[in-house]
């Protein structure tokens, strides 16, 4: 079943109003790292669900950002799709690099600029407006729709699992439309089927009770050198992690997944051009890099702070150094188990004095491209864009998809309208206006295909 002409006409005729609503939500700050505006934004999102005709409520936990739940149900529907999005955004710094104020969305040169217009408020509003379109034209959506809009995704979704556990019936669904979606540099829609997990931690090495003059380096231990020695032990020159047992649960891609991966274009080569790298990490070949982005664990140094880093010179021997690290995980790897292995690794190598501050712990999750939900999205992409979509077996990024995959065995896909140069998490975040309408129609066609197609075989 294809999308009704009246529905597509409504979506087309209301694009300007939909953009105003994206700007309205993006104008409300909601920086979860600082909690700036988070409460106010949750209230606005609840109001916007109610404005389209849905039922909405705020769920609360002590110390957590509100979670906005909503629903629009169809009488007698056999299937339920949950829309997951987040209303929180990244900090805006460095502010001086923005060409327009980040919380005053501005349209110029065929794009809207502002913090959150792509990640993730633009996608959130587009999905609400798609359901509004169904209600205005058809009176109901093609299947039951639930909304799960959280306010802590950008800081690791620390309370999402608890929210869902305490309200398990509310979030029960057959399929999940994940937060975000892309259109690649060639204008092809991307169907993304999973995310890597993450173990994020901060290492603290302290060898003195106060900074010392560097003339004492001959006698006093320097924590930065100690940290460097530790970091050099974590992985080898080929990017392989050396912590014992790290790859014990890592499984190779199945034959059909490997075939899909090799048939699809990869962003690997574009990464070298975009970021000016002379080659892939660890001397990887293109094929090895393509594989690693989808199915390879990583150990990344996200930042190091210690000693004097200002202008000029200061002869100091620092007392302490801090290092933030993120380890990306693949399906079957358990963050709690790997954290224990990392702790054992420190002890067995004489680094028991290194303090580890445990932060994000998220397992990976992945949906088969053969599932009815994935196939509905893949077919819809061809119907709407007239081209074969790019099938991404798994994103190299991370999100709390595991919460729904583990509890409900829900299939999930990522699809939307973000251009490859949308600058998420950076100054001048943006969306392309001409992609918004097509992205909404693609989401609608996916719902139609899924509602009319076979159910999931568990």
Protein backbone atom coordinates (compact mmCIF):
# COMPACT_ATOMS: atom_id res chain seq x y z
CA UNK A 1 0.00 0.00 0.00
CA UNK A 2 1.40 3.36 -1.00
CA UNK A 3 0.90 6.58 0.89
CA UNK A 4 -2.43 8.20 0.06
CA UNK A 5 -2.14 11.27 -2.21
CA UNK A 6 -4.17 13.31 0.29
CA UNK A 7 -1.67 12.47 3.03
CA UNK A 8 1.32 13.43 0.90
CA UNK A 9 -0.48 16.63 -0.07
CA UNK A 10 -1.07 17.53 3.59
CA UNK A 11 2.61 16.92 4.39
CA UNK A 12 3.67 19.05 1.42
CA UNK A 13 1.28 21.92 2.11
CA UNK A 14 2.29 22.20 5.78
CA UNK A 15 6.07 22.19 5.44
CA UNK A 16 6.45 25.83 6.48
CA UNK A 17 4.39 25.25 9.63
CA UNK A 18 6.32 22.09 10.44
CA UNK A 19 9.58 24.04 10.16
CA UNK A 20 8.22 26.68 12.52
CA UNK A 21 7.52 23.95 15.06
CA UNK A 22 11.04 22.56 14.69
CA UNK A 23 12.35 26.08 15.31
CA UNK A 24 9.98 26.47 18.26
CA UNK A 25 11.35 23.36 19.96
CA UNK A 26 14.97 24.08 19.04
CA UNK A 27 14.66 27.60 20.49
CA UNK A 28 14.09 26.05 23.93
CA UNK A 29 17.49 25.21 25.47
CA UNK A 30 17.78 21.68 26.88
CA UNK A 31 21.44 20.97 27.53
CA UNK A 32 21.49 17.79 29.60
CA UNK A 33 25.17 18.22 30.53
CA UNK A 34 24.25 21.35 32.51
CA UNK A 35 20.49 20.66 32.93
CA UNK A 36 19.83 24.07 31.38
CA UNK A 37 16.20 24.24 30.24
CA UNK A 38 15.58 20.49 30.43
CA UNK A 39 12.42 20.72 32.56
CA UNK A 40 10.94 23.47 30.39
CA UNK A 41 11.68 21.51 27.23
CA UNK A 42 10.01 18.37 28.59
CA UNK A 43 6.86 20.38 29.25
CA UNK A 44 6.96 21.81 25.73
CA UNK A 45 7.35 18.34 24.16
CA UNK A 46 4.37 17.07 26.18
CA UNK A 47 2.34 20.03 24.94
CA UNK A 48 3.33 19.34 21.33
CA UNK A 49 2.13 15.73 21.58
CA UNK A 50 -1.19 16.96 22.91
CA UNK A 51 -1.42 19.57 20.15
CA UNK A 52 -1.43 16.88 17.45
CA UNK A 53 -4.18 14.98 19.28
CA UNK A 54 -2.13 12.48 21.23
CA UNK A 55 -2.24 11.55 24.91
CA UNK A 56 0.88 12.51 26.87
CA UNK A 57 2.34 12.39 30.35
CA UNK A 58 5.60 13.18 32.12
CA UNK A 59 7.26 10.28 33.94
CA UNK A 60 9.66 11.16 36.74
CA UNK A 61 12.45 9.57 38.74
CA UNK A 62 14.51 11.19 41.48
CA UNK A 63 17.55 12.90 40.02
CA UNK A 64 16.53 12.24 36.41
CA UNK A 65 15.30 14.39 33.58
CA UNK A 66 11.58 13.88 32.89
CA UNK A 67 10.72 11.25 30.30
CA UNK A 68 7.85 12.23 28.00
CA UNK A 69 5.51 9.37 27.10
CA UNK A 70 2.73 9.69 24.56
CA UNK A 71 0.48 7.58 22.38
CA UNK A 72 -1.91 7.68 19.44
CA UNK A 73 -3.74 4.39 19.11
CA UNK A 74 -5.60 2.80 16.21
CA UNK A 75 -8.74 0.79 16.88
CA UNK A 76 -8.14 -2.92 16.37
CA UNK A 77 -4.50 -2.50 15.36
CA UNK A 78 -2.39 -5.66 15.51
CA UNK A 79 0.97 -3.88 15.60
CA UNK A 80 2.54 -1.17 17.74
CA UNK A 81 5.48 1.01 16.73
CA UNK A 82 7.36 3.04 19.33
CA UNK A 83 9.05 6.27 18.26
CA UNK A 84 12.17 6.86 20.35
CA UNK A 85 13.73 10.33 20.32
CA UNK A 86 15.48 12.62 22.75
CA UNK A 87 14.78 16.26 23.51
CA UNK A 88 18.11 17.04 25.16
CA UNK A 89 21.00 18.52 23.19
CA UNK A 90 24.76 18.92 23.36
CA UNK A 91 26.44 22.05 24.78
CA UNK A 92 26.87 24.82 22.19
CA UNK A 93 30.52 25.67 22.81
CA UNK A 94 32.62 27.00 21.14
CA UNK A 95 30.04 29.76 20.82
CA UNK A 96 32.25 32.02 18.69
CA UNK A 97 32.13 29.53 15.80
CA UNK A 98 28.35 29.81 15.36
CA UNK A 99 27.24 32.04 12.48
CA UNK A 100 23.87 32.61 14.19
CA UNK A 101 22.78 32.16 17.83
CA UNK A 102 22.41 28.40 18.54
CA UNK A 103 19.05 28.78 20.30
CA UNK A 104 17.61 31.20 17.74
CA UNK A 105 17.10 28.92 14.74
CA UNK A 106 17.71 30.65 11.45
CA UNK A 107 16.96 29.66 7.85
CA UNK A 108 19.54 30.55 5.21
CA UNK A 109 20.66 29.01 1.92
CA UNK A 110 18.08 26.21 2.04
CA UNK A 111 18.94 25.06 5.55
CA UNK A 112 17.81 25.64 9.10
CA UNK A 113 20.61 26.23 11.61
CA UNK A 114 20.41 25.80 15.37
CA UNK A 115 21.38 23.45 18.18
CA UNK A 116 19.23 20.33 18.04
CA UNK A 117 17.54 20.97 14.68
CA UNK A 118 18.98 17.66 13.44
CA UNK A 119 19.99 15.84 16.64
CA UNK A 120 17.30 15.29 17.66
CA UNK A 121 14.54 17.87 17.81
CA UNK A 122 14.03 18.06 14.06
CA UNK A 123 13.42 14.32 13.84
CA UNK A 124 11.22 14.38 16.95
CA UNK A 125 8.96 17.10 15.51
CA UNK A 126 8.89 15.50 12.05
CA UNK A 127 7.53 12.30 13.57
CA UNK A 128 4.91 14.15 15.57
CA UNK A 129 3.83 16.02 12.45
CA UNK A 130 3.65 12.79 10.46
CA UNK A 131 1.17 11.41 12.97
CA UNK A 132 -0.70 14.73 12.93
CA UNK A 133 -0.97 14.34 9.16
CA UNK A 134 -2.51 10.88 9.57
CA UNK A 135 -5.00 12.15 12.14
CA UNK A 136 -6.04 15.10 9.99
CA UNK A 137 -6.38 13.11 6.77
CA UNK A 138 -7.29 9.55 7.84
CA UNK A 139 -8.48 10.01 11.41
CA UNK A 140 -5.95 7.48 12.74
CA UNK A 141 -2.44 6.16 12.04
CA UNK A 142 -1.88 2.83 10.23
CA UNK A 143 -0.90 1.12 13.51
CA UNK A 144 -0.60 1.96 17.20
CA UNK A 145 2.00 4.66 17.83
CA UNK A 146 3.84 5.28 21.10
CA UNK A 147 6.30 8.06 21.87
CA UNK A 148 9.30 7.74 24.16
CA UNK A 149 11.12 11.07 24.33
CA UNK A 150 13.94 11.20 26.87
CA UNK A 151 16.07 14.04 28.18
CA UNK A 152 19.37 12.31 28.97
CA UNK A 153 20.53 10.69 25.73
CA UNK A 154 23.43 13.09 25.30
CA UNK A 155 24.76 12.16 28.75
CA UNK A 156 24.41 8.39 28.41
CA UNK A 157 20.69 7.68 29.06
CA UNK A 158 21.47 6.77 32.64
CA UNK A 159 17.83 6.43 33.73
CA UNK A 160 16.09 5.15 30.58
CA UNK A 161 16.27 1.47 31.56
CA UNK A 162 14.82 2.25 34.99
CA UNK A 163 12.02 4.32 33.45
CA UNK A 164 11.10 1.50 31.10
CA UNK A 165 11.37 -1.16 33.83
CA UNK A 166 8.97 0.78 36.07
CA UNK A 167 6.50 1.35 33.23
CA UNK A 168 7.00 -1.78 31.17
CA UNK A 169 3.47 -1.99 29.75
CA UNK A 170 3.60 1.59 28.47
CA UNK A 171 6.65 0.97 26.29
CA UNK A 172 5.77 -2.48 25.01
CA UNK A 173 5.98 -2.49 21.21
CA UNK A 174 6.65 -4.69 18.19
CA UNK A 175 9.08 -2.31 16.50
CA UNK A 176 11.04 0.84 17.28
CA UNK A 177 11.68 3.79 14.98
CA UNK A 178 14.99 4.93 16.38
CA UNK A 179 15.99 8.51 17.02
CA UNK A 180 17.69 9.73 13.87
CA UNK A 181 18.33 8.96 10.24
CA UNK A 182 20.57 9.98 7.38
CA UNK A 183 20.64 10.64 3.67
CA UNK A 184 24.14 10.13 2.31
CA UNK A 185 26.29 12.40 0.13
CA UNK A 186 24.83 10.79 -3.03
CA UNK A 187 21.26 11.50 -1.92
CA UNK A 188 20.59 7.88 -0.98
CA UNK A 189 18.52 7.09 2.11
CA UNK A 190 20.34 5.11 4.79
CA UNK A 191 18.59 2.33 6.70
CA UNK A 192 20.61 1.78 9.87
CA UNK A 193 19.98 -1.39 11.85
CA UNK A 194 21.94 -1.16 15.05
CA UNK A 195 24.34 0.63 17.36
CA UNK A 196 27.53 -0.24 19.14
CA UNK A 197 27.64 -0.30 22.90
CA UNK A 198 29.87 1.85 25.05
CA UNK A 199 31.90 1.71 28.22
CA UNK A 200 32.93 5.25 29.18
CA UNK A 201 35.27 5.90 32.07
CA UNK A 202 37.68 8.42 33.50
CA UNK A 203 41.12 7.34 34.71
CA UNK A 204 42.75 9.38 37.48
CA UNK A 205 46.45 9.02 38.29
CA UNK A 206 47.79 10.96 41.27
CA UNK A 207 51.37 10.60 42.51
CA UNK A 208 51.82 13.78 44.62
CA UNK A 209 49.70 15.76 47.07
CA UNK A 210 50.46 18.98 45.16
CA UNK A 211 52.17 20.19 41.99
CA UNK A 212 55.96 20.42 42.26
CA UNK A 213 58.75 22.31 40.48
CA UNK A 214 59.95 20.25 37.52
CA UNK A 215 63.50 20.39 38.84
CA UNK A 216 62.37 17.62 41.20
CA UNK A 217 61.52 15.29 38.27
CA UNK A 218 64.78 13.50 38.95
CA UNK A 219 63.36 12.26 42.25
CA UNK A 220 59.55 12.57 42.22
CA UNK A 221 57.17 10.39 40.13
CA UNK A 222 55.23 12.10 37.35
CA UNK A 223 51.62 10.87 36.99
CA UNK A 224 51.50 11.76 33.30
CA UNK A 225 54.35 9.39 32.47
CA UNK A 226 52.61 6.71 34.52
CA UNK A 227 49.41 7.26 32.56
CA UNK A 228 51.29 7.12 29.25
CA UNK A 229 52.80 3.75 30.20
CA UNK A 230 49.34 2.41 31.05
CA UNK A 231 47.72 3.70 27.86
CA UNK A 232 50.47 2.11 25.76
CA UNK A 233 49.55 -1.25 27.24
CA UNK A 234 45.84 -1.10 26.35
CA UNK A 235 46.14 -1.69 22.60
CA UNK A 236 48.81 -2.48 20.02
CA UNK A 237 49.91 -0.63 16.89
CA UNK A 238 47.24 -2.46 14.85
CA UNK A 239 44.40 -1.18 17.11
CA UNK A 240 43.84 -4.56 18.76
CA UNK A 241 42.86 -4.25 22.42
CA UNK A 242 45.28 -6.20 24.61
CA UNK A 243 43.15 -6.60 27.74
CA UNK A 244 42.78 -10.38 28.28
CA UNK A 245 39.40 -11.78 27.25
CA UNK A 246 38.25 -8.61 25.47
CA UNK A 247 37.32 -10.45 22.27
CA UNK A 248 35.94 -13.56 23.94
CA UNK A 249 32.31 -12.75 23.09
CA UNK A 250 32.95 -11.02 19.76
CA UNK A 251 31.26 -12.88 16.90
CA UNK A 252 32.02 -12.52 13.21
CA UNK A 253 29.28 -11.21 10.96
CA UNK A 254 27.05 -13.93 9.51
CA UNK A 255 27.56 -14.79 5.87
CA UNK A 256 24.50 -12.90 4.65
CA UNK A 257 25.40 -9.84 6.75
CA UNK A 258 28.92 -9.92 5.36
CA UNK A 259 27.51 -10.05 1.83
CA UNK A 260 25.31 -7.01 2.51
CA UNK A 261 28.24 -5.13 4.04
CA UNK A 262 30.45 -5.73 1.02
CA UNK A 263 27.71 -4.72 -1.41
CA UNK A 264 26.97 -1.43 0.34
CA UNK A 265 28.91 1.84 0.05
CA UNK A 266 30.97 2.68 3.12
CA UNK A 267 31.67 6.03 4.74
CA UNK A 268 35.21 4.86 5.49
CA UNK A 269 36.84 6.57 2.51
CA UNK A 270 34.86 9.77 3.05
CA UNK A 271 36.15 9.89 6.63
CA UNK A 272 39.72 10.34 5.39
CA UNK A 273 38.68 13.26 3.20
CA UNK A 274 36.38 14.88 5.73
CA UNK A 275 38.84 14.77 8.60
CA UNK A 276 42.09 15.13 6.65
CA UNK A 277 43.59 11.84 7.83
CA UNK A 278 46.51 10.42 5.84
CA UNK A 279 45.40 6.84 6.45
CA UNK A 280 43.23 4.60 8.57
CA UNK A 281 44.07 3.91 12.22
CA UNK A 282 46.62 1.18 12.76
CA UNK A 283 47.41 1.01 9.05
CA UNK A 284 44.09 -0.68 8.29
CA UNK A 285 43.14 -1.24 4.67
CA UNK A 286 39.87 0.17 3.32
CA UNK A 287 38.17 -3.23 3.68
CA UNK A 288 39.46 -3.63 7.24
CA UNK A 289 38.29 -0.12 8.15
CA UNK A 290 34.87 -0.79 6.63
CA UNK A 291 34.55 -3.94 8.72
CA UNK A 292 35.82 -2.27 11.90
CA UNK A 293 33.26 0.54 11.70
CA UNK A 294 30.47 -2.03 11.78
CA UNK A 295 31.77 -4.87 13.92
CA UNK A 296 35.02 -3.88 15.62
CA UNK A 297 35.43 -2.97 19.32
CA UNK A 298 37.41 0.21 19.96
CA UNK A 299 39.49 1.79 22.71
CA UNK A 300 39.55 5.57 22.32
CA UNK A 301 41.27 8.30 24.32
CA UNK A 302 38.68 11.09 24.41
CA UNK A 303 40.76 13.59 26.36
CA UNK A 304 43.70 14.06 28.73
CA UNK A 305 44.06 16.85 31.27
CA UNK A 306 47.13 17.32 33.43
CA UNK A 307 49.85 19.80 34.19
CA UNK A 308 50.23 23.17 32.50
CA UNK A 309 48.67 23.61 29.03
CA UNK A 310 48.51 27.41 28.74
CA UNK A 311 50.64 29.77 26.64
CA UNK A 312 54.36 30.00 27.15
CA UNK A 313 56.19 27.73 29.57
CA UNK A 314 55.75 26.65 33.14
CA UNK A 315 58.24 24.22 34.63
CA UNK A 316 55.88 22.11 36.66
CA UNK A 317 55.66 18.50 37.73
CA UNK A 318 51.90 17.87 37.96
CA UNK A 319 50.38 16.06 40.91
CA UNK A 320 47.50 14.53 38.95
CA UNK A 321 46.40 13.64 35.44
CA UNK A 322 42.95 12.65 34.19
CA UNK A 323 42.09 10.72 31.06
CA UNK A 324 38.64 10.12 29.61
CA UNK A 325 38.24 6.94 27.55
CA UNK A 326 35.40 5.36 25.61
CA UNK A 327 35.37 1.71 24.57
CA UNK A 328 32.87 0.90 21.81
CA UNK A 329 31.38 -2.58 22.11
CA UNK A 330 29.71 -4.99 19.70
CA UNK A 331 26.78 -7.40 20.24
CA UNK A 332 27.30 -10.02 22.97
CA UNK A 333 29.96 -7.96 24.75
CA UNK A 334 28.81 -7.10 28.27
CA UNK A 335 30.01 -3.75 29.68
CA UNK A 336 29.90 -4.94 33.30
CA UNK A 337 31.98 -8.00 32.45
CA UNK A 338 34.49 -5.90 30.51
CA UNK A 339 34.72 -3.36 33.30
CA UNK A 340 35.72 -6.20 35.63
CA UNK A 341 38.29 -7.39 33.09
CA UNK A 342 39.70 -3.86 32.88
CA UNK A 343 39.97 -3.67 36.67
CA UNK A 344 41.80 -7.03 36.72
CA UNK A 345 44.09 -5.77 33.96
CA UNK A 346 45.07 -2.76 36.08
CA UNK A 347 45.76 -4.91 39.14
CA UNK A 348 47.75 -7.57 37.34
CA UNK A 349 49.98 -4.96 35.70
CA UNK A 350 50.74 -2.99 38.85
CA UNK A 351 48.32 -0.12 38.31
CA UNK A 352 46.04 -0.67 41.31
CA UNK A 353 46.64 2.96 42.31
CA UNK A 354 44.83 4.20 39.19
CA UNK A 355 41.36 5.38 40.14
CA UNK A 356 38.64 4.49 37.66
CA UNK A 357 35.45 6.58 37.58
CA UNK A 358 32.80 4.50 35.86
CA UNK A 359 30.38 6.43 33.66
CA UNK A 360 28.29 5.22 30.67
CA UNK A 361 27.69 1.46 30.39
CA UNK A 362 25.58 0.56 27.35
CA UNK A 363 25.48 -2.79 25.52
CA UNK A 364 25.23 -2.96 21.73
CA UNK A 365 22.05 -3.92 19.87
CA UNK A 366 21.35 -4.91 16.28
CA UNK A 367 18.32 -5.81 14.12
CA UNK A 368 18.50 -8.26 11.23
CA UNK A 369 18.01 -6.69 7.81
CA UNK A 370 15.64 -9.59 7.06
CA UNK A 371 13.14 -8.62 9.79
CA UNK A 372 9.69 -7.40 8.63
CA UNK A 373 10.34 -3.95 10.14
CA UNK A 374 13.69 -3.54 8.40
CA UNK A 375 12.28 -4.80 5.13
CA UNK A 376 9.37 -2.36 5.42
CA UNK A 377 11.87 0.51 5.70
CA UNK A 378 14.07 -0.79 2.88
CA UNK A 379 11.10 -1.16 0.50
CA UNK A 380 9.76 2.26 1.49
CA UNK A 381 13.10 3.89 0.70
CA UNK A 382 12.92 2.60 -2.86
CA UNK A 383 9.27 3.64 -3.20
CA UNK A 384 9.90 7.21 -2.03
CA UNK A 385 13.40 7.99 -3.29
CA UNK A 386 13.41 5.81 -6.39
CA UNK A 387 16.86 4.43 -5.55
CA UNK A 388 18.24 1.46 -3.67
CA UNK A 389 18.88 2.53 -0.06
CA UNK A 390 22.14 2.08 1.77
CA UNK A 391 21.75 -0.71 4.34
CA UNK A 392 23.93 -0.07 7.37
CA UNK A 393 24.30 -3.31 9.34
CA UNK A 394 25.24 -1.25 12.39
CA UNK A 395 26.13 2.33 13.12
CA UNK A 396 29.57 3.00 14.61
CA UNK A 397 27.78 5.20 17.16
CA UNK A 398 26.03 4.32 20.41
CA UNK A 399 22.56 4.71 21.87
CA UNK A 400 20.27 2.99 24.40
CA UNK A 401 18.63 0.71 21.83
CA UNK A 402 19.44 -2.28 24.05
CA UNK A 403 16.75 -1.17 26.52
CA UNK A 404 14.00 -2.13 24.05
CA UNK A 405 15.83 -4.93 22.26
CA UNK A 406 16.48 -6.83 25.50
CA UNK A 407 13.18 -6.25 27.26
CA UNK A 408 10.72 -6.59 24.36
CA UNK A 409 12.82 -8.20 21.62
CA UNK A 410 11.74 -5.23 19.50
CA UNK A 411 13.23 -4.76 16.05
CA UNK A 412 14.53 -1.25 15.39
CA UNK A 413 15.53 0.88 12.43
CA UNK A 414 17.03 4.34 12.13
CA UNK A 415 15.66 6.42 9.27
CA UNK A 416 15.21 10.13 8.70
CA UNK A 417 16.45 13.11 6.73
CA UNK A 418 19.78 14.33 8.13
CA UNK A 419 22.35 15.35 5.48
CA UNK A 420 25.92 14.08 5.91
CA UNK A 421 27.14 17.60 6.70
CA UNK A 422 24.55 18.43 9.38
CA UNK A 423 27.29 19.23 11.95
CA UNK A 424 25.62 17.50 14.88
CA UNK A 425 27.41 18.08 18.20
CA UNK A 426 29.29 20.96 16.52
CA UNK A 427 28.71 24.65 15.80
CA UNK A 428 26.24 25.44 12.99
CA UNK A 429 24.20 22.24 13.31
CA UNK A 430 21.66 22.18 10.48
CA UNK A 431 19.07 20.36 8.39
CA UNK A 432 18.30 20.67 4.68
CA UNK A 433 14.78 21.91 4.07
CA UNK A 434 14.33 19.84 0.90
CA UNK A 435 15.05 16.61 2.78
CA UNK A 436 12.42 17.14 5.50
CA UNK A 437 9.37 16.40 3.34
CA UNK A 438 10.90 13.32 1.71
CA UNK A 439 12.04 12.02 5.08
CA UNK A 440 8.51 12.34 6.49
CA UNK A 441 6.99 10.55 3.50
CA UNK A 442 9.61 7.78 3.87
CA UNK A 443 8.65 7.30 7.53
CA UNK A 444 4.97 7.21 6.61
CA UNK A 445 5.52 4.68 3.81
CA UNK A 446 7.50 2.50 6.22
CA UNK A 447 4.57 2.47 8.64
CA UNK A 448 2.19 1.57 5.81
CA UNK A 449 4.41 -1.28 4.62
CA UNK A 450 4.83 -2.64 8.12
CA UNK A 451 1.14 -2.42 9.04
CA UNK A 452 0.16 -4.28 5.87
CA UNK A 453 2.95 -6.85 6.01
CA UNK A 454 3.65 -10.02 8.00
CA UNK A 455 4.34 -9.98 11.71
CA UNK A 456 7.61 -10.82 13.33
CA UNK A 457 8.63 -14.48 13.65
CA UNK A 458 9.98 -14.92 17.16
